Amino acid sequence: MASLSHLGLITVIITWILTCLAFISILSSVYLLVVITKKFAIHDYLNLLAFLIGLLLVVQTTWAVVAEGEGNSQFNLTNHQVSLIAKSILVNEVLWTLANTLLRVSTCLSTLQLFCFGGINRYVRVLSWALICLSVTHGTTSIVELFLICRPLSAQWNPVDGTCGDQKTSYIVIEICALVLDIIIILMPFKIILRLHLDVKKKCTLLAIFSVSSLLLIITALRLKSLHLAVSPDFVYSQSYLGLLSATGTMLAIVLCISVHLPKIAREAEKLWKEWKERRTHDGANLETSDSCS
């Protein structure tokens, strides 16, 4: 077991707290779908798959921190440890990309299902499918770039082995594209909600619910701010910070994707609570009646 660095400890604590929140969110969503609505849509399966990939990402990150020493300076590690951590970090980025692509597609499909009606049908359909295609293209490009930017691959953590392209520019372009996609996906329902024939209070409530997803932009902004680390000579430590943002962003995204269903989940929970109280009151009344009769 490797010694835990300050960054490694923070990574493990934050990622597992968010993983627990994501698990509770997924559990609530599954209960709502299985028990209440009794049907799954494609975007529900995508959310579940994204959670499983995110869970794999968190487990892999935890293992790299605890067992391999991720989060420490690579100059304090053996060449074997550096090689293992570097490979796990690359896997980390692939999992991050896969999970986020699934969540973007899921969000677009969810918006399509929620708002595809009336005069806005064409607007929602065209924009949603365009964003789905762009999200899949972005995810595929990100993974391909990750494996082709350095030849051979080991040059990413050991420049002596080969050469790399302009990693900083490449990462900046990819992250800016991701940021633009996220902003459009988050803002897409706003135009629809503003056109609905609802009172101001209900519109504000809906806007507030869909605005929660904007918290994800913080993670993307932090990744953009820290992209100078992509070409840091200390590959292990710098990429460990990006790994923390990846695991955190994935689980936070899952929580925020499910948060759209929270009002419905809360209503159903309140309904179940009232039914349980009424049943208990009714059982108590029957018990009192039987006691008086005896």
C-alpha atoms as a PDB file:
ATOM      1  CA  MET A   1       0.000   0.000   0.000  1.00  0.00           C
ATOM      2  CA  ALA A   2       1.452   3.377  -1.037  1.00  0.00           C
ATOM      3  CA  SER A   3       1.535   6.401   1.241  1.00  0.00           C
ATOM      4  CA  LEU A   4      -1.423   8.723   0.671  1.00  0.00           C
ATOM      5  CA  SER A   5      -0.602  12.246  -0.448  1.00  0.00           C
ATOM      6  CA  HIS A   6      -2.776  15.237   0.456  1.00  0.00           C
ATOM      7  CA  LEU A   7      -4.170  15.298  -3.106  1.00  0.00           C
ATOM      8  CA  GLY A   8      -4.765  11.541  -3.032  1.00  0.00           C
ATOM      9  CA  LEU A   9      -6.696  11.730   0.247  1.00  0.00           C
ATOM     10  CA  ILE A  10      -8.891  14.586  -1.019  1.00  0.00           C
ATOM     11  CA  THR A  11      -9.538  12.656  -4.240  1.00  0.00           C
ATOM     12  CA  VAL A  12     -10.713   9.535  -2.396  1.00  0.00           C
ATOM     13  CA  ILE A  13     -12.957  11.425   0.062  1.00  0.00           C
ATOM     14  CA  ILE A  14     -14.653  13.734  -2.465  1.00  0.00           C
ATOM     15  CA  THR A  15     -15.198  11.085  -5.138  1.00  0.00           C
ATOM     16  CA  TRP A  16     -16.767   8.589  -2.717  1.00  0.00           C
ATOM     17  CA  ILE A  17     -19.062  11.213  -1.158  1.00  0.00           C
ATOM     18  CA  LEU A  18     -20.342  12.106  -4.634  1.00  0.00           C
ATOM     19  CA  THR A  19     -20.558   8.405  -5.532  1.00  0.00           C
ATOM     20  CA  CYS A  20     -22.870   7.817  -2.547  1.00  0.00           C
ATOM     21  CA  LEU A  21     -25.044  10.768  -3.625  1.00  0.00           C
ATOM     22  CA  ALA A  22     -25.113   9.457  -7.201  1.00  0.00           C
ATOM     23  CA  PHE A  23     -26.075   5.977  -5.952  1.00  0.00           C
ATOM     24  CA  ILE A  24     -28.955   7.419  -3.908  1.00  0.00           C
ATOM     25  CA  SER A  25     -30.075   9.434  -6.966  1.00  0.00           C
ATOM     26  CA  ILE A  26     -29.947   6.386  -9.237  1.00  0.00           C
ATOM     27  CA  LEU A  27     -31.761   4.274  -6.637  1.00  0.00           C
ATOM     28  CA  SER A  28     -34.526   6.884  -6.327  1.00  0.00           C
ATOM     29  CA  SER A  29     -34.827   7.127 -10.092  1.00  0.00           C
ATOM     30  CA  VAL A  30     -34.977   3.345 -10.526  1.00  0.00           C
ATOM     31  CA  TYR A  31     -37.665   3.123  -7.814  1.00  0.00           C
ATOM     32  CA  LEU A  32     -39.690   5.821  -9.564  1.00  0.00           C
ATOM     33  CA  LEU A  33     -39.386   4.069 -12.919  1.00  0.00           C
ATOM     34  CA  VAL A  34     -39.950   0.484 -11.733  1.00  0.00           C
ATOM     35  CA  VAL A  35     -42.598   0.984  -9.035  1.00  0.00           C
ATOM     36  CA  ILE A  36     -44.437   4.132 -10.137  1.00  0.00           C
ATOM     37  CA  THR A  37     -44.210   4.608 -13.909  1.00  0.00           C
ATOM     38  CA  LYS A  38     -43.245   0.960 -14.613  1.00  0.00           C
ATOM     39  CA  LYS A  39     -41.312   1.755 -17.775  1.00  0.00           C
ATOM     40  CA  PHE A  40     -37.726   2.595 -18.759  1.00  0.00           C
ATOM     41  CA  ALA A  41     -36.779   4.986 -21.558  1.00  0.00           C
ATOM     42  CA  ILE A  42     -33.469   4.883 -23.450  1.00  0.00           C
ATOM     43  CA  HIS A  43     -32.115   7.842 -21.497  1.00  0.00           C
ATOM     44  CA  ASP A  44     -32.783   6.003 -18.227  1.00  0.00           C
ATOM     45  CA  TYR A  45     -30.628   3.096 -19.395  1.00  0.00           C
ATOM     46  CA  LEU A  46     -27.921   5.563 -20.460  1.00  0.00           C
ATOM     47  CA  ASN A  47     -27.950   7.186 -16.994  1.00  0.00           C
ATOM     48  CA  LEU A  48     -27.580   3.769 -15.375  1.00  0.00           C
ATOM     49  CA  LEU A  49     -24.743   2.821 -17.740  1.00  0.00           C
ATOM     50  CA  ALA A  50     -23.027   6.162 -17.087  1.00  0.00           C
ATOM     51  CA  PHE A  51     -23.256   5.503 -13.346  1.00  0.00           C
ATOM     52  CA  LEU A  52     -21.677   2.060 -13.748  1.00  0.00           C
ATOM     53  CA  ILE A  53     -18.842   3.539 -15.823  1.00  0.00           C
ATOM     54  CA  GLY A  54     -18.496   6.348 -13.267  1.00  0.00           C
ATOM     55  CA  LEU A  55     -18.355   3.789 -10.454  1.00  0.00           C
ATOM     56  CA  LEU A  56     -15.612   1.941 -12.332  1.00  0.00           C
ATOM     57  CA  LEU A  57     -13.813   5.275 -12.717  1.00  0.00           C
ATOM     58  CA  VAL A  58     -14.005   5.987  -8.975  1.00  0.00           C
ATOM     59  CA  VAL A  59     -12.884   2.459  -8.018  1.00  0.00           C
ATOM     60  CA  GLN A  60     -10.003   2.652 -10.482  1.00  0.00           C
ATOM     61  CA  THR A  61      -9.009   6.095  -9.174  1.00  0.00           C
ATOM     62  CA  THR A  62      -9.166   4.903  -5.552  1.00  0.00           C
ATOM     63  CA  TRP A  63      -7.056   1.846  -6.370  1.00  0.00           C
ATOM     64  CA  ALA A  64      -4.473   4.025  -8.159  1.00  0.00           C
ATOM     65  CA  VAL A  65      -4.267   6.376  -5.158  1.00  0.00           C
ATOM     66  CA  VAL A  66      -4.182   3.720  -2.426  1.00  0.00           C
ATOM     67  CA  ALA A  67      -2.208   0.925  -4.087  1.00  0.00           C
ATOM     68  CA  GLU A  68      -0.014   2.716  -6.633  1.00  0.00           C
ATOM     69  CA  GLY A  69       0.673   6.116  -5.091  1.00  0.00           C
ATOM     70  CA  GLU A  70      -1.232   8.337  -7.491  1.00  0.00           C
ATOM     71  CA  GLY A  71      -1.216  11.931  -6.255  1.00  0.00           C
ATOM     72  CA  ASN A  72       2.463  11.812  -5.298  1.00  0.00           C
ATOM     73  CA  SER A  73       5.250  13.360  -7.338  1.00  0.00           C
ATOM     74  CA  GLN A  74       6.523  10.909  -9.929  1.00  0.00           C
ATOM     75  CA  PHE A  75      10.082  11.791  -8.861  1.00  0.00           C
ATOM     76  CA  ASN A  76       9.361  10.019  -5.551  1.00  0.00           C
ATOM     77  CA  LEU A  77       8.106   6.851  -7.268  1.00  0.00           C
ATOM     78  CA  THR A  78       9.796   3.953  -9.020  1.00  0.00           C
ATOM     79  CA  ASN A  79       9.682   3.667 -12.819  1.00  0.00           C
ATOM     80  CA  HIS A  80       7.338   0.687 -12.460  1.00  0.00           C
ATOM     81  CA  GLN A  81       4.916   2.719 -10.300  1.00  0.00           C
ATOM     82  CA  VAL A  82       5.021   5.649 -12.738  1.00  0.00           C
ATOM     83  CA  SER A  83       4.228   3.337 -15.651  1.00  0.00           C
ATOM     84  CA  LEU A  84       1.267   1.745 -13.823  1.00  0.00           C
ATOM     85  CA  ILE A  85      -0.161   5.081 -12.676  1.00  0.00           C
ATOM     86  CA  ALA A  86       0.234   6.621 -16.137  1.00  0.00           C
ATOM     87  CA  LYS A  87      -1.710   3.755 -17.713  1.00  0.00           C
ATOM     88  CA  SER A  88      -4.452   4.007 -15.066  1.00  0.00           C
ATOM     89  CA  ILE A  89      -4.704   7.775 -15.650  1.00  0.00           C
ATOM     90  CA  LEU A  90      -5.202   7.190 -19.386  1.00  0.00           C
ATOM     91  CA  VAL A  91      -7.944   4.668 -18.577  1.00  0.00           C
ATOM     92  CA  ASN A  92      -9.373   7.295 -16.216  1.00  0.00           C
ATOM     93  CA  GLU A  93      -9.671   9.824 -19.048  1.00  0.00           C
ATOM     94  CA  VAL A  94     -11.299   7.265 -21.358  1.00  0.00           C
ATOM     95  CA  LEU A  95     -13.908   6.404 -18.690  1.00  0.00           C
ATOM     96  CA  TRP A  96     -14.532  10.113 -18.030  1.00  0.00           C
ATOM     97  CA  THR A  97     -15.122  10.714 -21.751  1.00  0.00           C
ATOM     98  CA  LEU A  98     -17.445   7.713 -22.124  1.00  0.00           C
ATOM     99  CA  ALA A  99     -19.532   8.616 -19.062  1.00  0.00           C
ATOM    100  CA  ASN A 100     -19.907  12.257 -20.086  1.00  0.00           C
ATOM    101  CA  THR A 101     -20.822  11.375 -23.655  1.00  0.00           C
ATOM    102  CA  LEU A 102     -23.542   9.026 -22.372  1.00  0.00           C
ATOM    103  CA  LEU A 103     -24.856  11.717 -20.013  1.00  0.00           C
ATOM    104  CA  ARG A 104     -24.963  14.351 -22.768  1.00  0.00           C
ATOM    105  CA  VAL A 105     -26.879  11.984 -25.054  1.00  0.00           C
ATOM    106  CA  SER A 106     -29.165  11.023 -22.162  1.00  0.00           C
ATOM    107  CA  THR A 107     -29.923  14.667 -21.364  1.00  0.00           C
ATOM    108  CA  CYS A 108     -30.778  15.399 -25.005  1.00  0.00           C
ATOM    109  CA  LEU A 109     -33.092  12.375 -25.215  1.00  0.00           C
ATOM    110  CA  SER A 110     -34.724  13.354 -21.916  1.00  0.00           C
ATOM    111  CA  THR A 111     -35.336  16.889 -23.210  1.00  0.00           C
ATOM    112  CA  LEU A 112     -36.728  15.421 -26.411  1.00  0.00           C
ATOM    113  CA  GLN A 113     -39.184  13.300 -24.416  1.00  0.00           C
ATOM    114  CA  LEU A 114     -40.198  16.090 -22.029  1.00  0.00           C
ATOM    115  CA  PHE A 115     -40.673  18.982 -24.461  1.00  0.00           C
ATOM    116  CA  CYS A 116     -41.306  17.549 -27.922  1.00  0.00           C
ATOM    117  CA  PHE A 117     -44.882  18.751 -28.418  1.00  0.00           C
ATOM    118  CA  GLY A 118     -46.928  21.394 -30.178  1.00  0.00           C
ATOM    119  CA  GLY A 119     -45.261  24.148 -32.206  1.00  0.00           C
ATOM    120  CA  ILE A 120     -41.838  23.575 -30.635  1.00  0.00           C
ATOM    121  CA  ASN A 121     -41.709  19.975 -31.838  1.00  0.00           C
ATOM    122  CA  ARG A 122     -39.368  20.687 -34.780  1.00  0.00           C
ATOM    123  CA  TYR A 123     -37.053  22.958 -32.774  1.00  0.00           C
ATOM    124  CA  VAL A 124     -36.564  20.367 -30.023  1.00  0.00           C
ATOM    125  CA  ARG A 125     -36.163  17.439 -32.406  1.00  0.00           C
ATOM    126  CA  VAL A 126     -33.596  19.090 -34.704  1.00  0.00           C
ATOM    127  CA  LEU A 127     -31.504  20.630 -31.917  1.00  0.00           C
ATOM    128  CA  SER A 128     -31.577  17.508 -29.738  1.00  0.00           C
ATOM    129  CA  TRP A 129     -30.440  15.169 -32.507  1.00  0.00           C
ATOM    130  CA  ALA A 130     -27.796  17.654 -33.673  1.00  0.00           C
ATOM    131  CA  LEU A 131     -26.399  17.810 -30.119  1.00  0.00           C
ATOM    132  CA  ILE A 132     -26.491  14.008 -29.828  1.00  0.00           C
ATOM    133  CA  CYS A 133     -24.431  13.660 -33.022  1.00  0.00           C
ATOM    134  CA  LEU A 134     -21.983  16.355 -31.888  1.00  0.00           C
ATOM    135  CA  SER A 135     -21.640  14.737 -28.437  1.00  0.00           C
ATOM    136  CA  VAL A 136     -20.855  11.312 -29.908  1.00  0.00           C
ATOM    137  CA  THR A 137     -18.375  12.873 -32.364  1.00  0.00           C
ATOM    138  CA  HIS A 138     -16.706  14.839 -29.570  1.00  0.00           C
ATOM    139  CA  GLY A 139     -16.417  11.762 -27.343  1.00  0.00           C
ATOM    140  CA  THR A 140     -14.952   9.620 -30.130  1.00  0.00           C
ATOM    141  CA  THR A 141     -12.485  12.338 -31.122  1.00  0.00           C
ATOM    142  CA  SER A 142     -11.372  12.817 -27.506  1.00  0.00           C
ATOM    143  CA  ILE A 143     -10.575   9.120 -27.058  1.00  0.00           C
ATOM    144  CA  VAL A 144      -8.760   8.842 -30.400  1.00  0.00           C
ATOM    145  CA  GLU A 145      -6.732  11.978 -29.618  1.00  0.00           C
ATOM    146  CA  LEU A 146      -5.782  10.601 -26.219  1.00  0.00           C
ATOM    147  CA  PHE A 147      -4.134   7.533 -27.766  1.00  0.00           C
ATOM    148  CA  LEU A 148      -2.622   9.186 -30.862  1.00  0.00           C
ATOM    149  CA  ILE A 149      -1.219  12.463 -29.511  1.00  0.00           C
ATOM    150  CA  CYS A 150       2.024  10.720 -28.481  1.00  0.00           C
ATOM    151  CA  ARG A 151       3.925   8.117 -30.431  1.00  0.00           C
ATOM    152  CA  PRO A 152       4.562   5.716 -28.840  1.00  0.00           C
ATOM    153  CA  LEU A 153       1.923   6.016 -26.112  1.00  0.00           C
ATOM    154  CA  SER A 154       4.553   5.779 -23.338  1.00  0.00           C
ATOM    155  CA  ALA A 155       5.935   9.156 -24.458  1.00  0.00           C
ATOM    156  CA  GLN A 156       3.093  10.779 -22.485  1.00  0.00           C
ATOM    157  CA  TRP A 157       4.834   9.974 -19.191  1.00  0.00           C
ATOM    158  CA  ASN A 158       8.368   9.425 -20.499  1.00  0.00           C
ATOM    159  CA  PRO A 159       9.332  11.960 -23.213  1.00  0.00           C
ATOM    160  CA  VAL A 160      12.558  10.056 -23.866  1.00  0.00           C
ATOM    161  CA  ASP A 161      10.520   7.216 -25.431  1.00  0.00           C
ATOM    162  CA  GLY A 162       9.205   9.297 -28.351  1.00  0.00           C
ATOM    163  CA  THR A 163       7.494  12.532 -29.326  1.00  0.00           C
ATOM    164  CA  CYS A 164       4.113  14.179 -28.671  1.00  0.00           C
ATOM    165  CA  GLY A 165       2.024  16.628 -30.617  1.00  0.00           C
ATOM    166  CA  ASP A 166       0.814  19.945 -29.200  1.00  0.00           C
ATOM    167  CA  GLN A 167      -0.989  18.450 -26.181  1.00  0.00           C
ATOM    168  CA  LYS A 168      -1.919  21.754 -24.591  1.00  0.00           C
ATOM    169  CA  THR A 169      -3.631  23.137 -27.710  1.00  0.00           C
ATOM    170  CA  SER A 170      -5.325  19.810 -28.370  1.00  0.00           C
ATOM    171  CA  TYR A 171      -6.718  19.556 -24.836  1.00  0.00           C
ATOM    172  CA  ILE A 172      -7.855  23.187 -24.849  1.00  0.00           C
ATOM    173  CA  VAL A 173      -9.789  22.719 -28.111  1.00  0.00           C
ATOM    174  CA  ILE A 174     -11.445  19.527 -26.809  1.00  0.00           C
ATOM    175  CA  GLU A 175     -12.400  21.080 -23.459  1.00  0.00           C
ATOM    176  CA  ILE A 176     -13.736  24.273 -25.078  1.00  0.00           C
ATOM    177  CA  CYS A 177     -15.890  22.160 -27.405  1.00  0.00           C
ATOM    178  CA  ALA A 178     -17.125  20.223 -24.341  1.00  0.00           C
ATOM    179  CA  LEU A 179     -17.930  23.495 -22.569  1.00  0.00           C
ATOM    180  CA  VAL A 180     -19.879  24.830 -25.562  1.00  0.00           C
ATOM    181  CA  LEU A 181     -21.828  21.562 -25.839  1.00  0.00           C
ATOM    182  CA  ASP A 182     -22.683  21.631 -22.121  1.00  0.00           C
ATOM    183  CA  ILE A 183     -23.832  25.255 -22.265  1.00  0.00           C
ATOM    184  CA  ILE A 184     -26.125  24.603 -25.254  1.00  0.00           C
ATOM    185  CA  ILE A 185     -27.552  21.430 -23.686  1.00  0.00           C
ATOM    186  CA  ILE A 186     -28.211  23.245 -20.388  1.00  0.00           C
ATOM    187  CA  LEU A 187     -29.808  26.279 -22.063  1.00  0.00           C
ATOM    188  CA  MET A 188     -31.904  24.293 -24.570  1.00  0.00           C
ATOM    189  CA  PRO A 189     -34.940  23.813 -22.243  1.00  0.00           C
ATOM    190  CA  PHE A 190     -34.955  27.500 -21.243  1.00  0.00           C
ATOM    191  CA  LYS A 191     -36.436  28.749 -24.520  1.00  0.00           C
ATOM    192  CA  ILE A 192     -39.070  26.016 -24.356  1.00  0.00           C
ATOM    193  CA  ILE A 193     -40.028  26.776 -20.742  1.00  0.00           C
ATOM    194  CA  LEU A 194     -40.330  30.514 -21.437  1.00  0.00           C
ATOM    195  CA  ARG A 195     -42.804  29.750 -24.254  1.00  0.00           C
ATOM    196  CA  LEU A 196     -45.031  27.549 -22.096  1.00  0.00           C
ATOM    197  CA  HIS A 197     -48.398  28.968 -21.002  1.00  0.00           C
ATOM    198  CA  LEU A 198     -47.651  28.847 -17.279  1.00  0.00           C
ATOM    199  CA  ASP A 199     -47.749  31.422 -14.508  1.00  0.00           C
ATOM    200  CA  VAL A 200     -44.513  33.139 -13.522  1.00  0.00           C
ATOM    201  CA  LYS A 201     -44.036  31.087 -10.354  1.00  0.00           C
ATOM    202  CA  LYS A 202     -44.186  27.741 -12.186  1.00  0.00           C
ATOM    203  CA  LYS A 203     -41.882  29.006 -14.934  1.00  0.00           C
ATOM    204  CA  CYS A 204     -39.349  30.190 -12.351  1.00  0.00           C
ATOM    205  CA  THR A 205     -39.531  26.820 -10.580  1.00  0.00           C
ATOM    206  CA  LEU A 206     -38.868  24.929 -13.814  1.00  0.00           C
ATOM    207  CA  LEU A 207     -36.036  27.288 -14.758  1.00  0.00           C
ATOM    208  CA  ALA A 208     -34.469  26.823 -11.323  1.00  0.00           C
ATOM    209  CA  ILE A 209     -34.641  23.016 -11.625  1.00  0.00           C
ATOM    210  CA  PHE A 210     -32.970  23.003 -15.035  1.00  0.00           C
ATOM    211  CA  SER A 211     -30.444  25.656 -13.958  1.00  0.00           C
ATOM    212  CA  VAL A 212     -28.958  23.302 -11.351  1.00  0.00           C
ATOM    213  CA  SER A 213     -27.084  21.519 -14.140  1.00  0.00           C
ATOM    214  CA  SER A 214     -25.020  24.666 -14.674  1.00  0.00           C
ATOM    215  CA  LEU A 215     -22.935  23.572 -11.670  1.00  0.00           C
ATOM    216  CA  LEU A 216     -21.267  21.157 -14.082  1.00  0.00           C
ATOM    217  CA  LEU A 217     -19.736  24.103 -15.887  1.00  0.00           C
ATOM    218  CA  ILE A 218     -17.574  24.677 -12.807  1.00  0.00           C
ATOM    219  CA  ILE A 219     -15.873  21.307 -13.328  1.00  0.00           C
ATOM    220  CA  THR A 220     -15.306  22.014 -17.024  1.00  0.00           C
ATOM    221  CA  ALA A 221     -13.953  25.485 -16.184  1.00  0.00           C
ATOM    222  CA  LEU A 222     -11.549  24.006 -13.609  1.00  0.00           C
ATOM    223  CA  ARG A 223     -10.346  21.466 -16.172  1.00  0.00           C
ATOM    224  CA  LEU A 224      -9.740  24.277 -18.657  1.00  0.00           C
ATOM    225  CA  LYS A 225      -7.899  26.326 -16.043  1.00  0.00           C
ATOM    226  CA  SER A 226      -5.652  23.390 -15.143  1.00  0.00           C
ATOM    227  CA  LEU A 227      -4.842  22.280 -18.687  1.00  0.00           C
ATOM    228  CA  HIS A 228      -1.353  23.752 -18.385  1.00  0.00           C
ATOM    229  CA  LEU A 229      -0.740  20.685 -16.211  1.00  0.00           C
ATOM    230  CA  ALA A 230      -1.155  18.499 -19.290  1.00  0.00           C
ATOM    231  CA  VAL A 231       2.410  19.302 -20.318  1.00  0.00           C
ATOM    232  CA  SER A 232       3.867  19.394 -16.795  1.00  0.00           C
ATOM    233  CA  PRO A 233       7.138  17.470 -16.374  1.00  0.00           C
ATOM    234  CA  ASP A 234       5.562  15.775 -13.325  1.00  0.00           C
ATOM    235  CA  PHE A 235       2.992  13.773 -15.323  1.00  0.00           C
ATOM    236  CA  VAL A 236       1.719  11.698 -12.378  1.00  0.00           C
ATOM    237  CA  TYR A 237       0.945  14.557  -9.967  1.00  0.00           C
ATOM    238  CA  SER A 238      -0.528  16.897 -12.591  1.00  0.00           C
ATOM    239  CA  GLN A 239      -2.720  14.238 -14.188  1.00  0.00           C
ATOM    240  CA  SER A 240      -3.869  13.094 -10.740  1.00  0.00           C
ATOM    241  CA  TYR A 241      -5.507  16.515 -10.259  1.00  0.00           C
ATOM    242  CA  LEU A 242      -7.238  16.191 -13.630  1.00  0.00           C
ATOM    243  CA  GLY A 243      -8.301  12.695 -12.536  1.00  0.00           C
ATOM    244  CA  LEU A 244      -9.907  14.167  -9.411  1.00  0.00           C
ATOM    245  CA  LEU A 245     -11.890  16.590 -11.574  1.00  0.00           C
ATOM    246  CA  SER A 246     -12.896  13.748 -13.915  1.00  0.00           C
ATOM    247  CA  ALA A 247     -14.268  11.478 -11.171  1.00  0.00           C
ATOM    248  CA  THR A 248     -15.940  14.411  -9.395  1.00  0.00           C
ATOM    249  CA  GLY A 249     -17.480  15.731 -12.602  1.00  0.00           C
ATOM    250  CA  THR A 250     -18.881  12.339 -13.625  1.00  0.00           C
ATOM    251  CA  MET A 251     -20.676  11.651 -10.346  1.00  0.00           C
ATOM    252  CA  LEU A 252     -21.881  15.243 -10.025  1.00  0.00           C
ATOM    253  CA  ALA A 253     -23.284  15.050 -13.568  1.00  0.00           C
ATOM    254  CA  ILE A 254     -25.221  11.896 -12.693  1.00  0.00           C
ATOM    255  CA  VAL A 255     -26.715  13.542  -9.600  1.00  0.00           C
ATOM    256  CA  LEU A 256     -27.722  16.625 -11.612  1.00  0.00           C
ATOM    257  CA  CYS A 257     -29.215  14.536 -14.457  1.00  0.00           C
ATOM    258  CA  ILE A 258     -31.437  12.723 -11.974  1.00  0.00           C
ATOM    259  CA  SER A 259     -32.317  15.974 -10.146  1.00  0.00           C
ATOM    260  CA  VAL A 260     -34.838  16.807 -12.903  1.00  0.00           C
ATOM    261  CA  HIS A 261     -36.982  13.949 -11.559  1.00  0.00           C
ATOM    262  CA  LEU A 262     -36.676  15.051  -7.904  1.00  0.00           C
ATOM    263  CA  PRO A 263     -40.021  16.955  -7.771  1.00  0.00           C
ATOM    264  CA  LYS A 264     -41.842  13.853  -9.034  1.00  0.00           C
ATOM    265  CA  ILE A 265     -39.896  11.604  -6.644  1.00  0.00           C
ATOM    266  CA  ALA A 266     -40.725  13.969  -3.764  1.00  0.00           C
ATOM    267  CA  ARG A 267     -44.439  13.932  -4.650  1.00  0.00           C
ATOM    268  CA  GLU A 268     -44.494  10.136  -4.786  1.00  0.00           C
ATOM    269  CA  ALA A 269     -42.589   9.908  -1.485  1.00  0.00           C
ATOM    270  CA  GLU A 270     -45.101  12.289   0.137  1.00  0.00           C
ATOM    271  CA  LYS A 271     -47.953  10.213  -1.263  1.00  0.00           C
ATOM    272  CA  LEU A 272     -46.465   6.983   0.109  1.00  0.00           C
ATOM    273  CA  TRP A 273     -45.908   8.657   3.498  1.00  0.00           C
ATOM    274  CA  LYS A 274     -49.559   9.775   3.675  1.00  0.00           C
ATOM    275  CA  GLU A 275     -50.774   6.315   2.681  1.00  0.00           C
ATOM    276  CA  TRP A 276     -48.596   4.727   5.364  1.00  0.00           C
ATOM    277  CA  LYS A 277     -49.926   7.146   8.029  1.00  0.00           C
ATOM    278  CA  GLU A 278     -53.541   6.533   6.980  1.00  0.00           C
ATOM    279  CA  ARG A 279     -52.979   2.780   7.061  1.00  0.00           C
ATOM    280  CA  ARG A 280     -51.435   3.020  10.508  1.00  0.00           C
ATOM    281  CA  THR A 281     -54.310   5.204  11.781  1.00  0.00           C
ATOM    282  CA  HIS A 282     -56.838   2.783  10.296  1.00  0.00           C
ATOM    283  CA  ASP A 283     -55.093  -0.234  11.873  1.00  0.00           C
ATOM    284  CA  GLY A 284     -55.005   1.569  15.219  1.00  0.00           C
ATOM    285  CA  ALA A 285     -58.723   2.327  15.029  1.00  0.00           C
ATOM    286  CA  ASN A 286     -59.522  -1.324  14.210  1.00  0.00           C
ATOM    287  CA  LEU A 287     -57.406  -2.462  17.152  1.00  0.00           C
ATOM    288  CA  GLU A 288     -59.254  -0.115  19.544  1.00  0.00           C
ATOM    289  CA  THR A 289     -62.621  -1.381  18.206  1.00  0.00           C
ATOM    290  CA  SER A 290     -61.671  -5.029  18.734  1.00  0.00           C
ATOM    291  CA  ASP A 291     -60.445  -4.256  22.274  1.00  0.00           C
ATOM    292  CA  SER A 292     -63.710  -2.496  23.194  1.00  0.00           C
ATOM    293  CA  CYS A 293     -65.763  -5.377  21.798  1.00  0.00           C
ATOM    294  CA  SER A 294     -63.843  -7.908  23.878  1.00  0.00           C
END
